[in-house]
Amino acid sequence: MDRTYLPILLLLGFVLVNAAGMIALSHLTIRIRPTPVKDTPYESGIPPLGDARERFSVKFYMVAMLFIIFDIETVFMIPWGVFYRQLSCAVPLVTGSCPIGKISFFGLGEMLVFMLILLVGFVYVWKKGALQWD
């Protein structure tokens, strides 16, 4: 076995033993005393109304999916920001900066295209009415 993986395997083993130990210890020390008050659902201090299997509006799911999609797309901007200098230089960087006259707009143009696609998707969702709570 390669010695570079030994610390990772040791950490993984420690985590697994620790997790199993905590679960075993909680099962040994807990006393289950069910009461009607403990068995009732708690929802922000308000007594629950209706059935738990009630159908939700699709708009809740749409907003959640749109948030995830736009959030993931904005996370893609972080690596671009890290590598912006390398992307905007036509030759390899010299001491962390681009030589004079070798600046290109590839990095900026790449992000502008990405943001344009993001904006088109946002306008499409807006025009479809997915962001309205009527």
C-alpha atoms as a PDB file:
ATOM      1  CA  MET A   1       0.000   0.000   0.000  1.00  0.00           C
ATOM      2  CA  ASP A   2       1.206   3.469  -0.799  1.00  0.00           C
ATOM      3  CA  ARG A   3       2.154   5.485   2.312  1.00  0.00           C
ATOM      4  CA  THR A   4       0.425   8.601   1.011  1.00  0.00           C
ATOM      5  CA  TYR A   5      -2.994   7.018   1.593  1.00  0.00           C
ATOM      6  CA  LEU A   6      -2.260   5.872   5.153  1.00  0.00           C
ATOM      7  CA  PRO A   7      -3.285   9.151   6.885  1.00  0.00           C
ATOM      8  CA  ILE A   8      -6.542   9.217   4.924  1.00  0.00           C
ATOM      9  CA  LEU A   9      -7.323   5.626   5.840  1.00  0.00           C
ATOM     10  CA  LEU A  10      -6.487   6.301   9.494  1.00  0.00           C
ATOM     11  CA  LEU A  11      -8.778   9.344   9.515  1.00  0.00           C
ATOM     12  CA  LEU A  12     -11.565   7.388   7.823  1.00  0.00           C
ATOM     13  CA  GLY A  13     -11.171   4.565  10.353  1.00  0.00           C
ATOM     14  CA  PHE A  14     -11.249   7.016  13.268  1.00  0.00           C
ATOM     15  CA  VAL A  15     -14.392   8.688  11.921  1.00  0.00           C
ATOM     16  CA  LEU A  16     -16.182   5.364  11.436  1.00  0.00           C
ATOM     17  CA  VAL A  17     -15.229   4.053  14.895  1.00  0.00           C
ATOM     18  CA  ASN A  18     -16.200   7.376  16.479  1.00  0.00           C
ATOM     19  CA  ALA A  19     -19.595   7.436  14.706  1.00  0.00           C
ATOM     20  CA  ALA A  20     -20.354   3.814  15.607  1.00  0.00           C
ATOM     21  CA  GLY A  21     -19.302   4.451  19.215  1.00  0.00           C
ATOM     22  CA  MET A  22     -21.556   7.502  19.563  1.00  0.00           C
ATOM     23  CA  ILE A  23     -24.552   5.637  18.136  1.00  0.00           C
ATOM     24  CA  ALA A  24     -23.917   2.621  20.383  1.00  0.00           C
ATOM     25  CA  LEU A  25     -23.468   4.831  23.446  1.00  0.00           C
ATOM     26  CA  SER A  26     -26.697   6.719  22.751  1.00  0.00           C
ATOM     27  CA  HIS A  27     -28.627   3.440  22.405  1.00  0.00           C
ATOM     28  CA  LEU A  28     -27.222   2.188  25.705  1.00  0.00           C
ATOM     29  CA  THR A  29     -27.931   5.333  27.719  1.00  0.00           C
ATOM     30  CA  ILE A  30     -31.335   6.431  26.374  1.00  0.00           C
ATOM     31  CA  ARG A  31     -34.614   5.660  28.141  1.00  0.00           C
ATOM     32  CA  ILE A  32     -37.554   5.875  25.797  1.00  0.00           C
ATOM     33  CA  ARG A  33     -40.637   7.301  27.548  1.00  0.00           C
ATOM     34  CA  PRO A  34     -43.259   8.117  24.915  1.00  0.00           C
ATOM     35  CA  THR A  35     -46.031  10.530  25.897  1.00  0.00           C
ATOM     36  CA  PRO A  36     -48.847  11.990  23.793  1.00  0.00           C
ATOM     37  CA  VAL A  37     -47.181  15.420  23.947  1.00  0.00           C
ATOM     38  CA  LYS A  38     -43.877  14.037  22.661  1.00  0.00           C
ATOM     39  CA  ASP A  39     -45.617  12.169  19.852  1.00  0.00           C
ATOM     40  CA  THR A  40     -47.363  15.243  18.413  1.00  0.00           C
ATOM     41  CA  PRO A  41     -45.609  17.016  15.551  1.00  0.00           C
ATOM     42  CA  TYR A  42     -44.126  20.434  16.245  1.00  0.00           C
ATOM     43  CA  GLU A  43     -44.163  23.076  13.538  1.00  0.00           C
ATOM     44  CA  SER A  44     -42.782  26.409  14.715  1.00  0.00           C
ATOM     45  CA  GLY A  45     -45.045  26.520  17.753  1.00  0.00           C
ATOM     46  CA  ILE A  46     -48.223  26.263  15.689  1.00  0.00           C
ATOM     47  CA  PRO A  47     -50.489  23.218  16.004  1.00  0.00           C
ATOM     48  CA  PRO A  48     -50.434  21.321  12.708  1.00  0.00           C
ATOM     49  CA  LEU A  49     -53.471  21.765  10.483  1.00  0.00           C
ATOM     50  CA  GLY A  50     -54.635  19.082   8.114  1.00  0.00           C
ATOM     51  CA  ASP A  51     -52.874  15.940   6.989  1.00  0.00           C
ATOM     52  CA  ALA A  52     -49.101  15.635   6.665  1.00  0.00           C
ATOM     53  CA  ARG A  53     -49.559  14.102   3.216  1.00  0.00           C
ATOM     54  CA  GLU A  54     -51.247  17.194   1.829  1.00  0.00           C
ATOM     55  CA  ARG A  55     -50.139  18.240  -1.654  1.00  0.00           C
ATOM     56  CA  PHE A  56     -47.978  21.323  -2.056  1.00  0.00           C
ATOM     57  CA  SER A  57     -48.214  23.762  -4.900  1.00  0.00           C
ATOM     58  CA  VAL A  58     -45.757  23.151  -7.716  1.00  0.00           C
ATOM     59  CA  LYS A  59     -44.541  26.745  -7.326  1.00  0.00           C
ATOM     60  CA  PHE A  60     -42.668  25.817  -4.146  1.00  0.00           C
ATOM     61  CA  TYR A  61     -40.718  23.186  -6.052  1.00  0.00           C
ATOM     62  CA  MET A  62     -40.158  25.512  -9.009  1.00  0.00           C
ATOM     63  CA  VAL A  63     -38.649  28.219  -6.802  1.00  0.00           C
ATOM     64  CA  ALA A  64     -36.456  25.663  -5.043  1.00  0.00           C
ATOM     65  CA  MET A  65     -35.202  24.239  -8.356  1.00  0.00           C
ATOM     66  CA  LEU A  66     -34.592  27.705  -9.794  1.00  0.00           C
ATOM     67  CA  PHE A  67     -32.627  28.673  -6.688  1.00  0.00           C
ATOM     68  CA  ILE A  68     -30.456  25.577  -7.001  1.00  0.00           C
ATOM     69  CA  ILE A  69     -29.853  26.128 -10.718  1.00  0.00           C
ATOM     70  CA  PHE A  70     -28.955  29.816 -10.427  1.00  0.00           C
ATOM     71  CA  ASP A  71     -26.919  29.213  -7.275  1.00  0.00           C
ATOM     72  CA  ILE A  72     -24.837  26.518  -8.958  1.00  0.00           C
ATOM     73  CA  GLU A  73     -24.325  28.722 -11.988  1.00  0.00           C
ATOM     74  CA  THR A  74     -23.029  31.566  -9.835  1.00  0.00           C
ATOM     75  CA  VAL A  75     -20.649  29.174  -8.053  1.00  0.00           C
ATOM     76  CA  PHE A  76     -19.052  28.556 -11.458  1.00  0.00           C
ATOM     77  CA  MET A  77     -17.869  32.176 -11.367  1.00  0.00           C
ATOM     78  CA  ILE A  78     -15.435  31.474  -8.509  1.00  0.00           C
ATOM     79  CA  PRO A  79     -12.922  29.410 -10.541  1.00  0.00           C
ATOM     80  CA  TRP A  80     -13.141  31.969 -13.313  1.00  0.00           C
ATOM     81  CA  GLY A  81     -12.198  34.719 -10.851  1.00  0.00           C
ATOM     82  CA  VAL A  82      -9.251  32.668  -9.603  1.00  0.00           C
ATOM     83  CA  PHE A  83      -7.887  32.025 -13.108  1.00  0.00           C
ATOM     84  CA  TYR A  84      -8.828  35.391 -14.644  1.00  0.00           C
ATOM     85  CA  ARG A  85      -5.216  36.524 -15.083  1.00  0.00           C
ATOM     86  CA  GLN A  86      -4.223  33.331 -16.892  1.00  0.00           C
ATOM     87  CA  LEU A  87      -7.332  33.448 -19.095  1.00  0.00           C
ATOM     88  CA  SER A  88      -6.746  37.082 -20.073  1.00  0.00           C
ATOM     89  CA  CYS A  89      -3.130  36.706 -21.115  1.00  0.00           C
ATOM     90  CA  ALA A  90      -2.130  35.417 -24.561  1.00  0.00           C
ATOM     91  CA  VAL A  91       1.176  34.023 -23.239  1.00  0.00           C
ATOM     92  CA  PRO A  92       2.095  32.360 -19.921  1.00  0.00           C
ATOM     93  CA  LEU A  93       2.278  34.761 -16.971  1.00  0.00           C
ATOM     94  CA  VAL A  94       5.648  36.220 -16.009  1.00  0.00           C
ATOM     95  CA  THR A  95       6.017  36.681 -12.224  1.00  0.00           C
ATOM     96  CA  GLY A  96       2.256  36.673 -11.762  1.00  0.00           C
ATOM     97  CA  SER A  97       1.429  39.349 -14.338  1.00  0.00           C
ATOM     98  CA  CYS A  98       0.852  39.530 -18.063  1.00  0.00           C
ATOM     99  CA  PRO A  99       3.608  41.069 -20.229  1.00  0.00           C
ATOM    100  CA  ILE A 100       2.807  44.411 -21.826  1.00  0.00           C
ATOM    101  CA  GLY A 101       0.901  44.068 -25.100  1.00  0.00           C
ATOM    102  CA  LYS A 102      -0.081  40.439 -24.546  1.00  0.00           C
ATOM    103  CA  ILE A 103      -3.438  41.045 -22.855  1.00  0.00           C
ATOM    104  CA  SER A 104      -6.401  39.304 -24.485  1.00  0.00           C
ATOM    105  CA  PHE A 105     -10.068  39.592 -23.664  1.00  0.00           C
ATOM    106  CA  PHE A 106     -10.724  35.840 -23.802  1.00  0.00           C
ATOM    107  CA  GLY A 107     -11.304  35.544 -20.035  1.00  0.00           C
ATOM    108  CA  LEU A 108     -13.656  38.506 -19.906  1.00  0.00           C
ATOM    109  CA  GLY A 109     -15.498  37.444 -23.070  1.00  0.00           C
ATOM    110  CA  GLU A 110     -15.885  33.928 -21.727  1.00  0.00           C
ATOM    111  CA  MET A 111     -17.590  35.193 -18.569  1.00  0.00           C
ATOM    112  CA  LEU A 112     -19.727  37.681 -20.487  1.00  0.00           C
ATOM    113  CA  VAL A 113     -21.071  34.838 -22.660  1.00  0.00           C
ATOM    114  CA  PHE A 114     -21.743  32.764 -19.538  1.00  0.00           C
ATOM    115  CA  MET A 115     -23.565  35.658 -17.859  1.00  0.00           C
ATOM    116  CA  LEU A 116     -25.557  36.326 -21.043  1.00  0.00           C
ATOM    117  CA  ILE A 117     -26.745  32.703 -21.051  1.00  0.00           C
ATOM    118  CA  LEU A 118     -27.616  33.069 -17.360  1.00  0.00           C
ATOM    119  CA  LEU A 119     -29.522  36.285 -18.073  1.00  0.00           C
ATOM    120  CA  VAL A 120     -31.450  34.692 -20.959  1.00  0.00           C
ATOM    121  CA  GLY A 121     -32.474  31.836 -18.650  1.00  0.00           C
ATOM    122  CA  PHE A 122     -33.538  34.291 -15.957  1.00  0.00           C
ATOM    123  CA  VAL A 123     -35.629  36.359 -18.413  1.00  0.00           C
ATOM    124  CA  TYR A 124     -37.222  33.163 -19.755  1.00  0.00           C
ATOM    125  CA  VAL A 125     -38.195  32.046 -16.246  1.00  0.00           C
ATOM    126  CA  TRP A 126     -39.487  35.530 -15.439  1.00  0.00           C
ATOM    127  CA  LYS A 127     -41.617  35.689 -18.619  1.00  0.00           C
ATOM    128  CA  LYS A 128     -43.036  32.209 -17.911  1.00  0.00           C
ATOM    129  CA  GLY A 129     -44.279  33.528 -14.548  1.00  0.00           C
ATOM    130  CA  ALA A 130     -42.371  31.037 -12.401  1.00  0.00           C
ATOM    131  CA  LEU A 131     -41.364  33.795  -9.970  1.00  0.00           C
ATOM    132  CA  GLN A 132     -44.891  35.107  -9.334  1.00  0.00           C
ATOM    133  CA  TRP A 133     -46.769  34.085  -6.191  1.00  0.00           C
ATOM    134  CA  ASP A 134     -50.354  34.687  -7.347  1.00  0.00           C
END
